[in-house]
């Protein structure tokens, strides 16, 4: 996914300041989710261990998905 293009789409929908705020909130949520999943006892054993993800990419996808729901 092209992060700049995705951010541009979000910015067109909600404006620059709101886009930054929404993506940062989603990014923080992604980071916390990743950390909590890593700390959860037994989780690493069940799924083969920690796999590195791009939380910013995930955050952009989530925000864009919500923005696309609106007209």
C-alpha atoms as a PDB file:
ATOM      1  CA  UNK A   1       0.000   0.000   0.000  1.00  0.00           C
ATOM      2  CA  UNK A   2       1.241   3.483  -0.838  1.00  0.00           C
ATOM      3  CA  UNK A   3       1.056   5.386   2.437  1.00  0.00           C
ATOM      4  CA  UNK A   4       1.189   8.834   0.849  1.00  0.00           C
ATOM      5  CA  UNK A   5      -1.669   8.063  -1.524  1.00  0.00           C
ATOM      6  CA  UNK A   6      -3.744   6.606   1.298  1.00  0.00           C
ATOM      7  CA  UNK A   7      -3.112   9.629   3.514  1.00  0.00           C
ATOM      8  CA  UNK A   8      -4.058  11.911   0.614  1.00  0.00           C
ATOM      9  CA  UNK A   9      -7.388  10.080   0.217  1.00  0.00           C
ATOM     10  CA  UNK A  10      -8.085  10.436   3.930  1.00  0.00           C
ATOM     11  CA  UNK A  11      -7.127  14.126   3.869  1.00  0.00           C
ATOM     12  CA  UNK A  12      -9.489  14.758   0.967  1.00  0.00           C
ATOM     13  CA  UNK A  13     -12.342  13.242   2.979  1.00  0.00           C
ATOM     14  CA  UNK A  14     -11.802  14.860   6.397  1.00  0.00           C
ATOM     15  CA  UNK A  15      -9.228  17.634   6.057  1.00  0.00           C
ATOM     16  CA  UNK A  16      -5.550  17.761   6.993  1.00  0.00           C
ATOM     17  CA  UNK A  17      -5.746  18.264  10.765  1.00  0.00           C
ATOM     18  CA  UNK A  18      -8.516  15.710  11.290  1.00  0.00           C
ATOM     19  CA  UNK A  19      -6.696  13.188   9.082  1.00  0.00           C
ATOM     20  CA  UNK A  20      -3.537  13.522  11.145  1.00  0.00           C
ATOM     21  CA  UNK A  21      -5.498  13.139  14.379  1.00  0.00           C
ATOM     22  CA  UNK A  22      -7.449  10.084  13.171  1.00  0.00           C
ATOM     23  CA  UNK A  23      -4.370   8.304  11.823  1.00  0.00           C
ATOM     24  CA  UNK A  24      -2.370   8.991  14.986  1.00  0.00           C
ATOM     25  CA  UNK A  25      -5.183   7.610  17.145  1.00  0.00           C
ATOM     26  CA  UNK A  26      -5.442   4.520  14.950  1.00  0.00           C
ATOM     27  CA  UNK A  27      -1.636   4.124  14.974  1.00  0.00           C
ATOM     28  CA  UNK A  28      -1.519   4.277  18.776  1.00  0.00           C
ATOM     29  CA  UNK A  29      -4.278   1.669  18.925  1.00  0.00           C
ATOM     30  CA  UNK A  30      -2.334  -0.599  16.563  1.00  0.00           C
ATOM     31  CA  UNK A  31       0.807  -0.261  18.696  1.00  0.00           C
ATOM     32  CA  UNK A  32      -1.072  -1.083  21.891  1.00  0.00           C
ATOM     33  CA  UNK A  33      -2.816  -4.035  20.280  1.00  0.00           C
ATOM     34  CA  UNK A  34       0.501  -5.426  19.086  1.00  0.00           C
ATOM     35  CA  UNK A  35       2.076  -4.989  22.508  1.00  0.00           C
ATOM     36  CA  UNK A  36      -0.848  -6.592  24.315  1.00  0.00           C
ATOM     37  CA  UNK A  37      -0.872  -9.537  21.929  1.00  0.00           C
ATOM     38  CA  UNK A  38       2.838 -10.087  22.533  1.00  0.00           C
ATOM     39  CA  UNK A  39       2.374  -9.962  26.292  1.00  0.00           C
ATOM     40  CA  UNK A  40      -0.588 -12.311  26.353  1.00  0.00           C
ATOM     41  CA  UNK A  41       0.532 -15.559  27.928  1.00  0.00           C
ATOM     42  CA  UNK A  42       0.702 -18.495  25.555  1.00  0.00           C
ATOM     43  CA  UNK A  43      -0.159 -16.468  22.456  1.00  0.00           C
ATOM     44  CA  UNK A  44       3.333 -16.720  20.961  1.00  0.00           C
ATOM     45  CA  UNK A  45       3.359 -20.486  21.412  1.00  0.00           C
ATOM     46  CA  UNK A  46       0.043 -20.941  19.630  1.00  0.00           C
ATOM     47  CA  UNK A  47       0.759 -18.944  16.485  1.00  0.00           C
ATOM     48  CA  UNK A  48       4.479 -19.510  16.026  1.00  0.00           C
ATOM     49  CA  UNK A  49       5.821 -16.385  17.669  1.00  0.00           C
ATOM     50  CA  UNK A  50       5.900 -12.687  17.007  1.00  0.00           C
ATOM     51  CA  UNK A  51       5.630 -11.488  13.419  1.00  0.00           C
ATOM     52  CA  UNK A  52       6.670  -7.949  12.567  1.00  0.00           C
ATOM     53  CA  UNK A  53       3.834  -5.805  11.181  1.00  0.00           C
ATOM     54  CA  UNK A  54       3.641  -2.289   9.836  1.00  0.00           C
ATOM     55  CA  UNK A  55       1.306  -0.631  12.323  1.00  0.00           C
ATOM     56  CA  UNK A  56       1.192   2.616  10.329  1.00  0.00           C
ATOM     57  CA  UNK A  57      -0.002   0.736   7.265  1.00  0.00           C
ATOM     58  CA  UNK A  58      -2.674  -0.992   9.344  1.00  0.00           C
ATOM     59  CA  UNK A  59      -3.757   2.323  10.872  1.00  0.00           C
ATOM     60  CA  UNK A  60      -4.054   4.001   7.465  1.00  0.00           C
ATOM     61  CA  UNK A  61      -6.124   1.080   6.153  1.00  0.00           C
ATOM     62  CA  UNK A  62      -8.501   1.252   9.122  1.00  0.00           C
ATOM     63  CA  UNK A  63      -9.028   5.019   8.860  1.00  0.00           C
ATOM     64  CA  UNK A  64      -9.517   4.873   5.087  1.00  0.00           C
ATOM     65  CA  UNK A  65     -12.013   2.027   5.463  1.00  0.00           C
ATOM     66  CA  UNK A  66     -14.082   4.133   7.865  1.00  0.00           C
ATOM     67  CA  UNK A  67     -13.810   7.226   5.654  1.00  0.00           C
ATOM     68  CA  UNK A  68     -15.006   5.202   2.658  1.00  0.00           C
ATOM     69  CA  UNK A  69     -18.197   4.313   4.521  1.00  0.00           C
ATOM     70  CA  UNK A  70     -19.331   7.928   4.377  1.00  0.00           C
ATOM     71  CA  UNK A  71     -20.620   9.682   1.253  1.00  0.00           C
END
